[in-house]
């Protein structure tokens, strides 16, 4: 158990390295939490700082999950005992800890992003095929509605459905438990987006929409 706790803590610390805030400091001290939606994630970075800035943000926020899953999770530290979980379960647990760090970053006053990019990094490192339903549902929903938050929520639930129906072990697969937990968590982190959609004042990415005439700004 001490080994697992140590791995989860290190993964959380990795998740606390916020791409939007690191890049902002390197770019003259920009704090994107003071701009746009006030969120430190990639969507707000794109809206307020442009594609180049957002690309670096995504690189960091996805990359820290890769490090947590591929490097931290499989570490063996004899002094801390044996890992109590199977290797794949430990990987998902470390990925989840990195997502938590992204949302509540220790280094930035516990004000972070919403976890989607770090979730993608975890999935890329553990079950890359799962990116297909996630990105597919995200893209489809985005071009139809223009709502990034809604697209993200539906994409995470699509991962849970994929794990339940497409994997040999179904709901017994560690990916299913991870997917359901992350779907609930991502839905919660996007609760403000849901409230704005219900109120009719949520921003849309109109440029990517197939049908723009009925879109609201």
N, C-alpha and C. Protein backbone atom coordinates (compact mmCIF):
# COMPACT_ATOMS: atom_id res chain seq x y z
N UNK A 1 0.79 -1.23 0.00
CA UNK A 1 0.00 0.00 0.00
C UNK A 1 0.83 1.29 0.00
N UNK A 2 1.95 1.37 0.78
CA UNK A 2 2.76 2.59 0.72
C UNK A 2 3.25 2.91 -0.70
N UNK A 3 3.56 1.86 -1.48
CA UNK A 3 4.03 2.09 -2.84
C UNK A 3 2.93 2.71 -3.68
N UNK A 4 1.71 2.21 -3.58
CA UNK A 4 0.60 2.76 -4.35
C UNK A 4 0.32 4.21 -3.95
N UNK A 5 0.36 4.48 -2.65
CA UNK A 5 0.12 5.84 -2.18
C UNK A 5 1.17 6.79 -2.74
N UNK A 6 2.43 6.33 -2.74
CA UNK A 6 3.52 7.15 -3.28
C UNK A 6 3.32 7.42 -4.77
N UNK A 7 2.92 6.39 -5.51
CA UNK A 7 2.69 6.56 -6.94
C UNK A 7 1.54 7.53 -7.22
N UNK A 8 0.48 7.41 -6.43
CA UNK A 8 -0.66 8.31 -6.62
C UNK A 8 -0.28 9.75 -6.29
N UNK A 9 0.53 9.92 -5.27
CA UNK A 9 0.94 11.29 -4.89
C UNK A 9 1.82 11.90 -5.97
N UNK A 10 2.78 11.14 -6.47
CA UNK A 10 3.65 11.65 -7.53
C UNK A 10 2.83 11.96 -8.77
N UNK A 11 1.86 11.11 -9.09
CA UNK A 11 1.01 11.35 -10.25
C UNK A 11 0.17 12.61 -10.06
N UNK A 12 -0.31 12.80 -8.84
CA UNK A 12 -1.06 14.03 -8.54
C UNK A 12 -0.16 15.26 -8.74
N UNK A 13 1.09 15.18 -8.27
CA UNK A 13 2.01 16.30 -8.44
C UNK A 13 2.27 16.58 -9.92
N UNK A 14 2.41 15.51 -10.71
CA UNK A 14 2.57 15.70 -12.15
C UNK A 14 1.34 16.39 -12.74
N UNK A 15 0.16 15.96 -12.31
CA UNK A 15 -1.06 16.59 -12.79
C UNK A 15 -1.15 18.05 -12.41
N UNK A 16 -0.49 18.42 -11.32
CA UNK A 16 -0.52 19.80 -10.85
C UNK A 16 0.33 20.74 -11.70
N UNK A 17 1.09 20.20 -12.63
CA UNK A 17 1.87 21.04 -13.55
C UNK A 17 0.91 21.49 -14.65
N UNK A 18 0.35 22.67 -14.51
CA UNK A 18 -0.68 23.16 -15.41
C UNK A 18 -0.08 23.76 -16.68
N UNK A 19 -0.39 23.16 -17.81
CA UNK A 19 0.14 23.66 -19.07
C UNK A 19 -0.23 25.11 -19.33
N UNK A 20 -1.50 25.46 -19.08
CA UNK A 20 -1.94 26.82 -19.36
C UNK A 20 -1.22 27.86 -18.53
N UNK A 21 -0.87 27.50 -17.29
CA UNK A 21 -0.22 28.47 -16.42
C UNK A 21 1.29 28.48 -16.62
N UNK A 22 1.87 27.31 -16.93
CA UNK A 22 3.30 27.25 -17.23
C UNK A 22 3.61 28.04 -18.50
N UNK A 23 2.85 27.78 -19.55
CA UNK A 23 3.06 28.48 -20.82
C UNK A 23 2.78 29.97 -20.64
N UNK A 24 1.76 30.30 -19.85
CA UNK A 24 1.45 31.70 -19.61
C UNK A 24 2.60 32.44 -18.94
N UNK A 25 3.24 31.80 -17.98
CA UNK A 25 4.38 32.45 -17.32
C UNK A 25 5.56 32.61 -18.26
N UNK A 26 5.74 31.64 -19.13
CA UNK A 26 6.82 31.74 -20.11
C UNK A 26 6.53 32.78 -21.19
N UNK A 27 5.26 33.10 -21.36
CA UNK A 27 4.83 34.07 -22.37
C UNK A 27 4.54 35.43 -21.75
N UNK A 28 5.30 35.82 -20.76
CA UNK A 28 5.16 37.17 -20.22
C UNK A 28 4.26 37.29 -19.01
N UNK A 29 3.95 36.19 -18.37
CA UNK A 29 3.17 36.26 -17.14
C UNK A 29 1.67 36.25 -17.33
N UNK A 30 1.19 35.72 -18.45
CA UNK A 30 -0.25 35.63 -18.69
C UNK A 30 -0.86 34.58 -17.78
N UNK A 31 -1.92 34.93 -17.09
CA UNK A 31 -2.68 33.97 -16.28
C UNK A 31 -4.05 33.83 -16.93
N UNK A 32 -4.25 32.74 -17.66
CA UNK A 32 -5.50 32.61 -18.41
C UNK A 32 -6.71 32.41 -17.50
N UNK A 33 -6.47 32.19 -16.20
CA UNK A 33 -7.59 32.10 -15.26
C UNK A 33 -8.23 33.46 -15.04
N UNK A 34 -7.54 34.53 -15.46
CA UNK A 34 -8.08 35.88 -15.35
C UNK A 34 -8.72 36.32 -16.65
N UNK A 35 -8.79 35.44 -17.63
CA UNK A 35 -9.31 35.78 -18.95
C UNK A 35 -10.41 34.80 -19.36
N UNK A 36 -11.26 35.22 -20.26
CA UNK A 36 -12.27 34.33 -20.81
C UNK A 36 -13.15 33.69 -19.76
N UNK A 37 -13.19 32.36 -19.80
CA UNK A 37 -14.04 31.62 -18.86
C UNK A 37 -13.42 31.51 -17.47
N UNK A 38 -12.15 31.89 -17.34
CA UNK A 38 -11.47 31.78 -16.05
C UNK A 38 -10.90 30.40 -15.78
N UNK A 39 -10.94 29.54 -16.79
CA UNK A 39 -10.45 28.17 -16.64
C UNK A 39 -9.02 28.09 -17.16
N UNK A 40 -8.23 27.18 -16.58
CA UNK A 40 -6.81 27.07 -16.96
C UNK A 40 -6.56 26.01 -18.02
N UNK A 41 -7.61 25.48 -18.63
CA UNK A 41 -7.45 24.41 -19.60
C UNK A 41 -7.26 24.87 -21.03
N UNK A 42 -7.21 23.87 -21.93
CA UNK A 42 -6.90 24.13 -23.32
C UNK A 42 -7.94 24.94 -24.06
N UNK A 43 -9.23 24.75 -23.76
CA UNK A 43 -10.27 25.48 -24.47
C UNK A 43 -10.17 26.97 -24.23
N UNK A 44 -10.00 27.36 -22.97
CA UNK A 44 -9.86 28.78 -22.66
C UNK A 44 -8.56 29.33 -23.21
N UNK A 45 -7.51 28.50 -23.23
CA UNK A 45 -6.24 28.94 -23.82
C UNK A 45 -6.42 29.23 -25.30
N UNK A 46 -7.17 28.39 -26.00
CA UNK A 46 -7.42 28.60 -27.43
C UNK A 46 -8.23 29.86 -27.66
N UNK A 47 -9.26 30.04 -26.88
CA UNK A 47 -10.14 31.19 -27.07
C UNK A 47 -9.43 32.52 -26.78
N UNK A 48 -8.57 32.52 -25.76
CA UNK A 48 -7.98 33.78 -25.32
C UNK A 48 -6.58 34.05 -25.85
N UNK A 49 -5.83 32.97 -26.19
CA UNK A 49 -4.43 33.15 -26.57
C UNK A 49 -4.08 32.62 -27.96
N UNK A 50 -4.95 31.86 -28.57
CA UNK A 50 -4.68 31.40 -29.93
C UNK A 50 -4.17 29.96 -30.01
N UNK A 51 -4.01 29.50 -31.25
CA UNK A 51 -3.71 28.10 -31.51
C UNK A 51 -2.33 27.67 -31.00
N UNK A 52 -1.31 28.50 -31.20
CA UNK A 52 0.03 28.12 -30.79
C UNK A 52 0.13 27.93 -29.29
N UNK A 53 -0.41 28.87 -28.55
CA UNK A 53 -0.43 28.79 -27.09
C UNK A 53 -1.18 27.54 -26.65
N UNK A 54 -2.36 27.32 -27.23
CA UNK A 54 -3.18 26.18 -26.85
C UNK A 54 -2.50 24.86 -27.17
N UNK A 55 -1.75 24.81 -28.27
CA UNK A 55 -1.06 23.57 -28.64
C UNK A 55 -0.04 23.18 -27.58
N UNK A 56 0.70 24.15 -27.07
CA UNK A 56 1.67 23.86 -26.02
C UNK A 56 0.98 23.46 -24.72
N UNK A 57 -0.14 24.09 -24.44
CA UNK A 57 -0.92 23.72 -23.26
C UNK A 57 -1.35 22.25 -23.34
N UNK A 58 -1.87 21.86 -24.49
CA UNK A 58 -2.31 20.48 -24.68
C UNK A 58 -1.13 19.52 -24.59
N UNK A 59 0.00 19.90 -25.14
CA UNK A 59 1.19 19.06 -25.09
C UNK A 59 1.58 18.74 -23.64
N UNK A 60 1.55 19.75 -22.81
CA UNK A 60 1.91 19.56 -21.40
C UNK A 60 0.83 18.77 -20.66
N UNK A 61 -0.42 19.14 -20.87
CA UNK A 61 -1.50 18.52 -20.11
C UNK A 61 -1.74 17.07 -20.50
N UNK A 62 -1.49 16.73 -21.75
CA UNK A 62 -1.55 15.33 -22.17
C UNK A 62 -0.28 14.60 -21.74
N UNK A 63 0.86 15.26 -21.90
CA UNK A 63 2.14 14.64 -21.61
C UNK A 63 2.32 14.24 -20.16
N UNK A 64 1.80 15.03 -19.23
CA UNK A 64 1.99 14.70 -17.82
C UNK A 64 1.25 13.41 -17.46
N UNK A 65 0.14 13.13 -18.13
CA UNK A 65 -0.56 11.86 -17.90
C UNK A 65 0.25 10.70 -18.46
N UNK A 66 0.88 10.91 -19.61
CA UNK A 66 1.73 9.86 -20.19
C UNK A 66 2.86 9.50 -19.23
N UNK A 67 3.46 10.52 -18.62
CA UNK A 67 4.56 10.27 -17.67
C UNK A 67 4.03 9.51 -16.46
N UNK A 68 2.88 9.91 -15.95
CA UNK A 68 2.32 9.24 -14.77
C UNK A 68 2.02 7.78 -15.04
N UNK A 69 1.45 7.50 -16.21
CA UNK A 69 1.02 6.13 -16.53
C UNK A 69 2.19 5.26 -16.98
N UNK A 70 3.04 5.81 -17.83
CA UNK A 70 4.10 4.99 -18.43
C UNK A 70 5.36 4.90 -17.58
N UNK A 71 5.62 5.90 -16.75
CA UNK A 71 6.85 5.91 -15.96
C UNK A 71 6.61 5.69 -14.47
N UNK A 72 5.63 6.39 -13.92
CA UNK A 72 5.40 6.29 -12.47
C UNK A 72 4.69 4.98 -12.11
N UNK A 73 3.62 4.66 -12.82
CA UNK A 73 2.81 3.49 -12.46
C UNK A 73 3.60 2.18 -12.41
N UNK A 74 4.50 1.91 -13.36
CA UNK A 74 5.19 0.62 -13.32
C UNK A 74 6.43 0.58 -12.42
N UNK A 75 6.74 1.67 -11.72
CA UNK A 75 7.94 1.70 -10.88
C UNK A 75 7.88 0.65 -9.78
N UNK A 76 9.02 0.02 -9.55
CA UNK A 76 9.16 -0.92 -8.44
C UNK A 76 10.11 -0.31 -7.42
N UNK A 77 9.63 -0.16 -6.18
CA UNK A 77 10.44 0.39 -5.10
C UNK A 77 10.37 -0.61 -3.95
N UNK A 78 11.31 -1.55 -3.89
CA UNK A 78 11.25 -2.61 -2.88
C UNK A 78 11.08 -2.10 -1.45
N UNK A 79 11.66 -0.97 -1.15
CA UNK A 79 11.56 -0.45 0.22
C UNK A 79 10.14 -0.09 0.60
N UNK A 80 9.27 0.15 -0.41
CA UNK A 80 7.88 0.51 -0.13
C UNK A 80 6.93 -0.68 -0.26
N UNK A 81 7.47 -1.84 -0.50
CA UNK A 81 6.64 -3.03 -0.58
C UNK A 81 6.12 -3.28 -1.98
N UNK A 82 5.20 -4.24 -2.08
CA UNK A 82 4.64 -4.62 -3.37
C UNK A 82 3.43 -3.75 -3.69
N UNK A 83 3.16 -3.64 -4.98
CA UNK A 83 1.98 -2.90 -5.44
C UNK A 83 0.75 -3.77 -5.20
N UNK A 84 -0.27 -3.28 -4.51
CA UNK A 84 -1.43 -4.12 -4.19
C UNK A 84 -2.38 -4.32 -5.37
N UNK A 85 -2.24 -3.54 -6.43
CA UNK A 85 -3.13 -3.64 -7.57
C UNK A 85 -2.44 -4.29 -8.76
N UNK A 86 -3.24 -4.81 -9.68
CA UNK A 86 -2.69 -5.29 -10.93
C UNK A 86 -2.11 -4.11 -11.71
N UNK A 87 -1.22 -4.41 -12.65
CA UNK A 87 -0.51 -3.35 -13.37
C UNK A 87 -1.46 -2.40 -14.08
N UNK A 88 -2.50 -2.95 -14.75
CA UNK A 88 -3.40 -2.06 -15.48
C UNK A 88 -4.24 -1.21 -14.54
N UNK A 89 -4.65 -1.77 -13.41
CA UNK A 89 -5.41 -0.99 -12.44
C UNK A 89 -4.57 0.12 -11.84
N UNK A 90 -3.29 -0.16 -11.58
CA UNK A 90 -2.39 0.88 -11.06
C UNK A 90 -2.23 2.00 -12.08
N UNK A 91 -2.13 1.63 -13.35
CA UNK A 91 -1.98 2.64 -14.40
C UNK A 91 -3.19 3.57 -14.44
N UNK A 92 -4.38 3.00 -14.38
CA UNK A 92 -5.58 3.84 -14.40
C UNK A 92 -5.68 4.69 -13.14
N UNK A 93 -5.27 4.14 -12.00
CA UNK A 93 -5.31 4.90 -10.75
C UNK A 93 -4.35 6.09 -10.81
N UNK A 94 -3.17 5.88 -11.39
CA UNK A 94 -2.22 6.98 -11.52
C UNK A 94 -2.74 8.02 -12.51
N UNK A 95 -3.38 7.55 -13.58
CA UNK A 95 -3.97 8.49 -14.52
C UNK A 95 -5.05 9.33 -13.87
N UNK A 96 -5.89 8.69 -13.06
CA UNK A 96 -6.95 9.41 -12.35
C UNK A 96 -6.36 10.43 -11.38
N UNK A 97 -5.26 10.07 -10.72
CA UNK A 97 -4.60 11.00 -9.80
C UNK A 97 -4.05 12.21 -10.55
N UNK A 98 -3.53 11.98 -11.75
CA UNK A 98 -3.03 13.09 -12.57
C UNK A 98 -4.18 14.00 -12.99
N UNK A 99 -5.33 13.41 -13.31
CA UNK A 99 -6.50 14.21 -13.66
C UNK A 99 -6.92 15.07 -12.47
N UNK A 100 -6.92 14.47 -11.28
CA UNK A 100 -7.25 15.23 -10.07
C UNK A 100 -6.28 16.38 -9.85
N UNK A 101 -4.99 16.12 -10.10
CA UNK A 101 -4.01 17.18 -9.97
C UNK A 101 -4.24 18.30 -10.95
N UNK A 102 -4.71 17.96 -12.14
CA UNK A 102 -5.00 18.98 -13.15
C UNK A 102 -6.16 19.87 -12.71
N UNK A 103 -7.15 19.28 -12.06
CA UNK A 103 -8.31 20.05 -11.62
C UNK A 103 -8.00 20.85 -10.36
N UNK A 104 -7.24 20.23 -9.45
CA UNK A 104 -6.87 20.90 -8.19
C UNK A 104 -5.35 20.93 -8.06
N UNK A 105 -4.67 21.77 -8.84
CA UNK A 105 -3.20 21.78 -8.85
C UNK A 105 -2.59 22.37 -7.58
N UNK A 106 -1.74 21.59 -6.95
CA UNK A 106 -1.09 22.02 -5.72
C UNK A 106 -0.26 23.27 -5.94
N UNK A 107 0.37 23.38 -7.11
CA UNK A 107 1.32 24.48 -7.36
C UNK A 107 0.62 25.78 -7.76
N UNK A 108 -0.68 25.74 -8.00
CA UNK A 108 -1.36 26.93 -8.50
C UNK A 108 -2.66 27.21 -7.74
N UNK A 109 -2.57 27.05 -6.41
CA UNK A 109 -3.70 27.42 -5.57
C UNK A 109 -4.94 26.57 -5.76
N UNK A 110 -4.77 25.35 -6.25
CA UNK A 110 -5.87 24.40 -6.43
C UNK A 110 -6.93 24.91 -7.42
N UNK A 111 -6.55 25.83 -8.31
CA UNK A 111 -7.44 26.32 -9.36
C UNK A 111 -6.89 25.90 -10.71
N UNK A 112 -7.44 24.83 -11.25
CA UNK A 112 -6.90 24.30 -12.50
C UNK A 112 -7.90 24.22 -13.62
N UNK A 113 -7.78 23.15 -14.42
CA UNK A 113 -8.65 22.96 -15.55
C UNK A 113 -9.77 21.99 -15.22
N UNK A 114 -10.32 21.37 -16.27
CA UNK A 114 -11.47 20.49 -16.08
C UNK A 114 -11.14 19.02 -16.32
N UNK A 115 -9.88 18.73 -16.67
CA UNK A 115 -9.42 17.35 -16.67
C UNK A 115 -9.45 16.60 -17.99
N UNK A 116 -10.04 17.17 -19.03
CA UNK A 116 -10.25 16.41 -20.26
C UNK A 116 -8.94 16.04 -20.96
N UNK A 117 -8.03 16.99 -21.08
CA UNK A 117 -6.78 16.72 -21.80
C UNK A 117 -5.95 15.66 -21.07
N UNK A 118 -5.90 15.74 -19.76
CA UNK A 118 -5.13 14.76 -18.98
C UNK A 118 -5.79 13.39 -19.04
N UNK A 119 -7.11 13.36 -19.11
CA UNK A 119 -7.83 12.11 -19.33
C UNK A 119 -7.45 11.49 -20.66
N UNK A 120 -7.34 12.32 -21.71
CA UNK A 120 -6.92 11.81 -23.02
C UNK A 120 -5.52 11.22 -22.96
N UNK A 121 -4.63 11.87 -22.23
CA UNK A 121 -3.28 11.35 -22.09
C UNK A 121 -3.25 10.01 -21.40
N UNK A 122 -4.08 9.86 -20.36
CA UNK A 122 -4.18 8.58 -19.67
C UNK A 122 -4.68 7.49 -20.61
N UNK A 123 -5.69 7.81 -21.38
CA UNK A 123 -6.27 6.84 -22.31
C UNK A 123 -5.27 6.47 -23.40
N UNK A 124 -4.54 7.44 -23.89
CA UNK A 124 -3.55 7.19 -24.93
C UNK A 124 -2.48 6.21 -24.45
N UNK A 125 -2.15 6.29 -23.17
CA UNK A 125 -1.10 5.44 -22.61
C UNK A 125 -1.60 4.07 -22.18
N UNK A 126 -2.90 3.94 -21.92
CA UNK A 126 -3.42 2.68 -21.39
C UNK A 126 -4.21 1.87 -22.41
N UNK A 127 -5.02 2.55 -23.21
CA UNK A 127 -5.89 1.85 -24.17
C UNK A 127 -6.17 2.82 -25.31
N UNK A 128 -5.20 2.96 -26.20
CA UNK A 128 -5.28 3.97 -27.25
C UNK A 128 -6.50 3.78 -28.15
N UNK A 129 -6.95 2.54 -28.32
CA UNK A 129 -8.12 2.29 -29.16
C UNK A 129 -9.35 3.00 -28.60
N UNK A 130 -9.38 3.21 -27.31
CA UNK A 130 -10.49 3.90 -26.70
C UNK A 130 -10.60 5.36 -27.10
N UNK A 131 -9.54 5.89 -27.69
CA UNK A 131 -9.59 7.28 -28.18
C UNK A 131 -10.58 7.42 -29.34
N UNK A 132 -10.81 6.32 -30.07
CA UNK A 132 -11.69 6.41 -31.25
C UNK A 132 -13.11 6.80 -30.88
N UNK A 133 -13.77 6.10 -29.96
CA UNK A 133 -15.12 6.54 -29.59
C UNK A 133 -15.13 7.90 -28.89
N UNK A 134 -14.11 8.17 -28.10
CA UNK A 134 -14.06 9.44 -27.39
C UNK A 134 -13.95 10.60 -28.36
N UNK A 135 -12.98 10.55 -29.25
CA UNK A 135 -12.77 11.65 -30.19
C UNK A 135 -13.89 11.69 -31.23
N UNK A 136 -14.40 10.51 -31.60
CA UNK A 136 -15.48 10.47 -32.57
C UNK A 136 -16.74 11.14 -32.05
N UNK A 137 -17.15 10.79 -30.84
CA UNK A 137 -18.35 11.40 -30.24
C UNK A 137 -18.12 12.88 -29.98
N UNK A 138 -16.93 13.23 -29.53
CA UNK A 138 -16.62 14.65 -29.29
C UNK A 138 -16.76 15.45 -30.57
N UNK A 139 -16.14 14.97 -31.65
CA UNK A 139 -16.18 15.70 -32.92
C UNK A 139 -17.61 15.80 -33.46
N UNK A 140 -18.35 14.70 -33.39
CA UNK A 140 -19.71 14.70 -33.91
C UNK A 140 -20.59 15.68 -33.15
N UNK A 141 -20.51 15.64 -31.83
CA UNK A 141 -21.31 16.54 -31.02
C UNK A 141 -20.90 18.00 -31.24
N UNK A 142 -19.60 18.23 -31.39
CA UNK A 142 -19.11 19.60 -31.55
C UNK A 142 -19.59 20.21 -32.86
N UNK A 143 -19.53 19.45 -33.96
CA UNK A 143 -19.94 20.03 -35.24
C UNK A 143 -21.46 20.20 -35.32
N UNK A 144 -22.19 19.47 -34.50
CA UNK A 144 -23.65 19.62 -34.49
C UNK A 144 -24.09 20.74 -33.56
N UNK A 145 -23.51 20.79 -32.36
CA UNK A 145 -23.98 21.75 -31.36
C UNK A 145 -23.07 22.96 -31.17
N UNK A 146 -21.77 22.77 -31.39
CA UNK A 146 -20.82 23.85 -31.12
C UNK A 146 -20.44 23.98 -29.67
N UNK A 147 -21.01 23.14 -28.80
CA UNK A 147 -20.73 23.23 -27.36
C UNK A 147 -19.57 22.30 -26.99
N UNK A 148 -18.46 22.88 -26.55
CA UNK A 148 -17.30 22.08 -26.17
C UNK A 148 -17.58 21.29 -24.90
N UNK A 149 -18.21 21.93 -23.92
CA UNK A 149 -18.49 21.25 -22.66
C UNK A 149 -19.39 20.04 -22.84
N UNK A 150 -20.48 20.21 -23.57
CA UNK A 150 -21.39 19.10 -23.83
C UNK A 150 -20.69 17.99 -24.59
N UNK A 151 -19.89 18.36 -25.58
CA UNK A 151 -19.16 17.37 -26.38
C UNK A 151 -18.20 16.57 -25.51
N UNK A 152 -17.55 17.24 -24.58
CA UNK A 152 -16.61 16.57 -23.68
C UNK A 152 -17.33 15.60 -22.76
N UNK A 153 -18.44 16.03 -22.20
CA UNK A 153 -19.22 15.16 -21.30
C UNK A 153 -19.68 13.91 -22.03
N UNK A 154 -20.27 14.07 -23.21
CA UNK A 154 -20.78 12.92 -23.95
C UNK A 154 -19.65 12.00 -24.39
N UNK A 155 -18.50 12.58 -24.70
CA UNK A 155 -17.35 11.76 -25.12
C UNK A 155 -16.86 10.87 -24.00
N UNK A 156 -16.87 11.38 -22.77
CA UNK A 156 -16.41 10.55 -21.65
C UNK A 156 -17.41 9.43 -21.35
N UNK A 157 -18.68 9.71 -21.48
CA UNK A 157 -19.68 8.65 -21.29
C UNK A 157 -19.61 7.63 -22.41
N UNK A 158 -19.22 8.08 -23.60
CA UNK A 158 -19.05 7.14 -24.72
C UNK A 158 -17.93 6.15 -24.41
N UNK A 159 -16.90 6.61 -23.68
CA UNK A 159 -15.82 5.71 -23.29
C UNK A 159 -16.34 4.62 -22.36
N UNK A 160 -17.18 4.99 -21.42
CA UNK A 160 -17.76 3.99 -20.50
C UNK A 160 -18.60 2.97 -21.27
N UNK A 161 -19.39 3.45 -22.22
CA UNK A 161 -20.22 2.55 -23.03
C UNK A 161 -19.35 1.62 -23.87
N UNK A 162 -18.29 2.19 -24.43
CA UNK A 162 -17.34 1.38 -25.22
C UNK A 162 -16.72 0.28 -24.36
N UNK A 163 -16.31 0.63 -23.16
CA UNK A 163 -15.67 -0.35 -22.28
C UNK A 163 -16.64 -1.46 -21.91
N UNK A 164 -17.90 -1.11 -21.68
CA UNK A 164 -18.89 -2.10 -21.27
C UNK A 164 -19.26 -3.04 -22.40
N UNK A 165 -19.32 -2.53 -23.63
CA UNK A 165 -19.84 -3.31 -24.75
C UNK A 165 -18.77 -3.92 -25.65
N UNK A 166 -17.64 -3.25 -25.78
CA UNK A 166 -16.65 -3.66 -26.78
C UNK A 166 -15.50 -4.48 -26.22
N UNK A 167 -15.22 -4.36 -24.93
CA UNK A 167 -14.09 -5.08 -24.36
C UNK A 167 -14.50 -6.48 -23.92
N UNK A 168 -13.57 -7.40 -24.00
CA UNK A 168 -13.86 -8.80 -23.68
C UNK A 168 -14.33 -8.96 -22.25
N UNK A 169 -13.73 -8.22 -21.32
CA UNK A 169 -14.11 -8.34 -19.91
C UNK A 169 -15.26 -7.42 -19.53
N UNK A 170 -15.69 -6.56 -20.44
CA UNK A 170 -16.83 -5.69 -20.21
C UNK A 170 -16.70 -4.87 -18.94
N UNK A 171 -17.75 -4.90 -18.11
CA UNK A 171 -17.74 -4.08 -16.90
C UNK A 171 -16.72 -4.56 -15.87
N UNK A 172 -16.15 -5.75 -16.08
CA UNK A 172 -15.12 -6.24 -15.18
C UNK A 172 -13.74 -5.69 -15.54
N UNK A 173 -13.63 -5.04 -16.68
CA UNK A 173 -12.35 -4.48 -17.12
C UNK A 173 -12.05 -3.22 -16.31
N UNK A 174 -10.80 -3.03 -15.85
CA UNK A 174 -10.46 -1.81 -15.11
C UNK A 174 -10.76 -0.54 -15.89
N UNK A 175 -10.73 -0.62 -17.22
CA UNK A 175 -11.06 0.56 -18.01
C UNK A 175 -12.48 1.02 -17.76
N UNK A 176 -13.40 0.08 -17.55
CA UNK A 176 -14.79 0.46 -17.32
C UNK A 176 -14.93 1.27 -16.02
N UNK A 177 -14.31 0.78 -14.95
CA UNK A 177 -14.37 1.50 -13.67
C UNK A 177 -13.75 2.89 -13.81
N UNK A 178 -12.61 2.94 -14.50
CA UNK A 178 -11.96 4.23 -14.73
C UNK A 178 -12.85 5.14 -15.54
N UNK A 179 -13.45 4.60 -16.61
CA UNK A 179 -14.27 5.41 -17.51
C UNK A 179 -15.50 5.97 -16.80
N UNK A 180 -16.18 5.14 -16.01
CA UNK A 180 -17.37 5.62 -15.31
C UNK A 180 -16.98 6.69 -14.29
N UNK A 181 -15.91 6.43 -13.53
CA UNK A 181 -15.47 7.42 -12.55
C UNK A 181 -15.10 8.75 -13.21
N UNK A 182 -14.40 8.67 -14.35
CA UNK A 182 -14.01 9.88 -15.05
C UNK A 182 -15.20 10.56 -15.70
N UNK A 183 -16.16 9.79 -16.19
CA UNK A 183 -17.35 10.40 -16.80
C UNK A 183 -18.13 11.20 -15.76
N UNK A 184 -18.30 10.63 -14.58
CA UNK A 184 -18.98 11.35 -13.50
C UNK A 184 -18.18 12.59 -13.11
N UNK A 185 -16.87 12.42 -13.00
CA UNK A 185 -16.01 13.53 -12.58
C UNK A 185 -16.00 14.65 -13.63
N UNK A 186 -15.85 14.29 -14.91
CA UNK A 186 -15.81 15.29 -15.97
C UNK A 186 -17.16 15.99 -16.09
N UNK A 187 -18.25 15.26 -15.90
CA UNK A 187 -19.56 15.90 -15.89
C UNK A 187 -19.63 16.94 -14.78
N UNK A 188 -19.09 16.58 -13.62
CA UNK A 188 -19.09 17.52 -12.48
C UNK A 188 -18.22 18.74 -12.77
N UNK A 189 -17.03 18.54 -13.35
CA UNK A 189 -16.15 19.69 -13.61
C UNK A 189 -16.74 20.61 -14.68
N UNK A 190 -17.66 20.10 -15.48
CA UNK A 190 -18.31 20.91 -16.51
C UNK A 190 -19.71 21.37 -16.09
N UNK A 191 -19.99 21.34 -14.81
CA UNK A 191 -21.33 21.69 -14.34
C UNK A 191 -21.70 23.14 -14.69
N UNK A 192 -20.71 24.04 -14.68
CA UNK A 192 -21.01 25.43 -15.03
C UNK A 192 -21.40 25.54 -16.50
N UNK A 193 -20.75 24.72 -17.35
CA UNK A 193 -21.12 24.71 -18.77
C UNK A 193 -22.56 24.26 -18.95
N UNK A 194 -22.95 23.23 -18.19
CA UNK A 194 -24.32 22.72 -18.26
C UNK A 194 -25.31 23.80 -17.82
N UNK A 195 -24.98 24.50 -16.76
CA UNK A 195 -25.85 25.57 -16.27
C UNK A 195 -26.01 26.67 -17.30
N UNK A 196 -24.90 27.03 -17.98
CA UNK A 196 -24.98 28.07 -19.00
C UNK A 196 -25.77 27.60 -20.21
N UNK A 197 -25.64 26.32 -20.57
CA UNK A 197 -26.43 25.79 -21.68
C UNK A 197 -27.91 25.86 -21.36
N UNK A 198 -28.28 25.49 -20.14
CA UNK A 198 -29.68 25.52 -19.74
C UNK A 198 -30.21 26.95 -19.71
N UNK A 199 -29.31 27.89 -19.38
CA UNK A 199 -29.71 29.29 -19.34
C UNK A 199 -29.67 29.95 -20.71
N UNK A 200 -29.10 29.25 -21.70
CA UNK A 200 -29.05 29.76 -23.07
C UNK A 200 -27.94 30.75 -23.34
N UNK A 201 -26.91 30.78 -22.49
CA UNK A 201 -25.83 31.74 -22.73
C UNK A 201 -24.44 31.08 -22.78
N UNK A 202 -24.40 29.80 -23.13
CA UNK A 202 -23.12 29.11 -23.27
C UNK A 202 -22.51 29.45 -24.63
N UNK A 203 -21.21 29.71 -24.65
CA UNK A 203 -20.51 30.02 -25.90
C UNK A 203 -20.45 28.79 -26.81
N UNK A 204 -20.49 29.03 -28.10
CA UNK A 204 -20.34 27.96 -29.09
C UNK A 204 -19.11 28.23 -29.95
N UNK A 205 -18.51 27.15 -30.47
CA UNK A 205 -17.49 27.27 -31.50
C UNK A 205 -18.22 27.20 -32.85
N UNK A 206 -18.72 28.35 -33.28
CA UNK A 206 -19.55 28.38 -34.48
C UNK A 206 -18.77 28.00 -35.74
N UNK A 207 -17.48 28.25 -35.75
CA UNK A 207 -16.70 27.99 -36.96
C UNK A 207 -16.68 26.51 -37.34
N UNK A 208 -16.85 25.63 -36.39
CA UNK A 208 -16.79 24.20 -36.69
C UNK A 208 -18.16 23.59 -36.90
N UNK A 209 -19.21 24.35 -36.71
CA UNK A 209 -20.57 23.82 -36.79
C UNK A 209 -21.01 23.58 -38.24
N UNK A 210 -21.71 22.50 -38.44
CA UNK A 210 -22.25 22.21 -39.76
C UNK A 210 -23.44 23.10 -40.09
N UNK A 211 -24.23 23.42 -39.09
CA UNK A 211 -25.42 24.24 -39.28
C UNK A 211 -25.32 25.44 -38.37
N UNK A 212 -24.94 26.59 -38.94
CA UNK A 212 -24.64 27.73 -38.10
C UNK A 212 -25.81 28.71 -37.96
N UNK A 213 -26.78 28.62 -38.82
CA UNK A 213 -27.81 29.66 -38.83
C UNK A 213 -28.53 29.75 -37.50
N UNK A 214 -28.79 28.62 -36.88
CA UNK A 214 -29.53 28.64 -35.62
C UNK A 214 -28.65 28.78 -34.40
N UNK A 215 -27.32 28.95 -34.58
CA UNK A 215 -26.40 29.02 -33.45
C UNK A 215 -26.49 30.37 -32.78
N UNK A 216 -26.29 30.36 -31.49
CA UNK A 216 -26.25 31.62 -30.73
C UNK A 216 -24.82 31.94 -30.36
N UNK A 217 -24.47 33.20 -30.19
CA UNK A 217 -23.09 33.58 -30.00
C UNK A 217 -22.60 33.35 -28.69
